[in-house]
Protein backbone atom coordinates (compact mmCIF):
# COMPACT_ATOMS: atom_id res chain seq x y z
CA MET A 1 0.07 -0.11 -0.05
CA LYS A 2 1.42 3.49 -0.79
CA ASP A 3 1.59 6.26 1.45
CA GLN A 4 -0.60 8.27 -0.79
CA ASP A 5 -3.44 5.88 -0.27
CA MET A 6 -3.46 6.33 3.40
CA VAL A 7 -5.56 9.18 5.20
CA SER A 8 -3.79 11.31 7.72
CA LEU A 9 -5.71 12.51 10.58
CA THR A 10 -5.62 16.01 12.04
CA GLU A 11 -4.62 16.69 15.75
CA THR A 12 -8.21 17.38 16.51
CA GLN A 13 -9.20 13.84 15.06
CA LYS A 14 -6.32 12.09 16.85
CA LYS A 15 -7.35 13.66 20.21
CA ALA A 16 -10.88 12.64 19.48
CA ARG A 17 -9.85 9.13 18.85
CA ARG A 18 -7.72 8.94 22.04
CA SER A 19 -10.62 10.25 24.06
CA ARG A 20 -12.96 7.65 22.57
CA SER A 21 -10.35 4.98 23.25
CA LYS A 22 -9.85 6.01 26.86
CA ALA A 23 -13.88 6.18 27.37
CA ILE A 24 -14.10 2.50 25.86
CA GLY A 25 -11.34 1.40 27.95
CA PHE A 26 -12.78 2.62 31.25
CA ALA A 27 -16.28 1.29 30.13
CA LEU A 28 -14.79 -2.14 29.86
CA ALA A 29 -12.88 -1.91 33.17
CA ALA A 30 -16.09 -0.81 35.03
CA LEU A 31 -18.10 -3.74 33.28
CA VAL A 32 -15.43 -6.28 34.59
CA VAL A 33 -15.68 -4.76 37.96
CA ILE A 34 -19.39 -4.98 37.77
CA PHE A 35 -19.37 -8.61 36.98
CA TYR A 36 -16.74 -9.47 39.57
CA VAL A 37 -18.91 -7.83 42.40
CA ALA A 38 -22.10 -9.35 41.04
CA THR A 39 -20.24 -12.96 41.17
CA ILE A 40 -19.22 -12.39 44.64
CA VAL A 41 -22.41 -11.04 45.81
CA LYS A 42 -24.26 -14.01 44.21
CA PHE A 43 -21.98 -16.74 45.40
CA GLY A 44 -20.92 -15.12 48.75
CA PRO A 45 -17.29 -14.72 50.09
CA ALA A 46 -17.04 -18.52 50.59
CA ILE A 47 -16.22 -18.88 46.64
CA LEU A 48 -12.72 -17.44 47.75
CA ASN A 49 -12.21 -20.39 50.19
CA ARG A 50 -12.51 -23.32 48.01
CA PRO A 51 -9.81 -25.95 48.00
CA MET A 52 -7.33 -26.06 45.07
């Protein structure tokens, strides 16, 4: 692929992309925390004391 075929983003577009990426990352991290807390609440703290 040639460099002429690629689109170059402006600084404003790059900043917007970074902001969206951060927002998606934070949303995914929050979802993981919510699922973890929901699992602990559903099964209780005894789930951490199971034998290996």
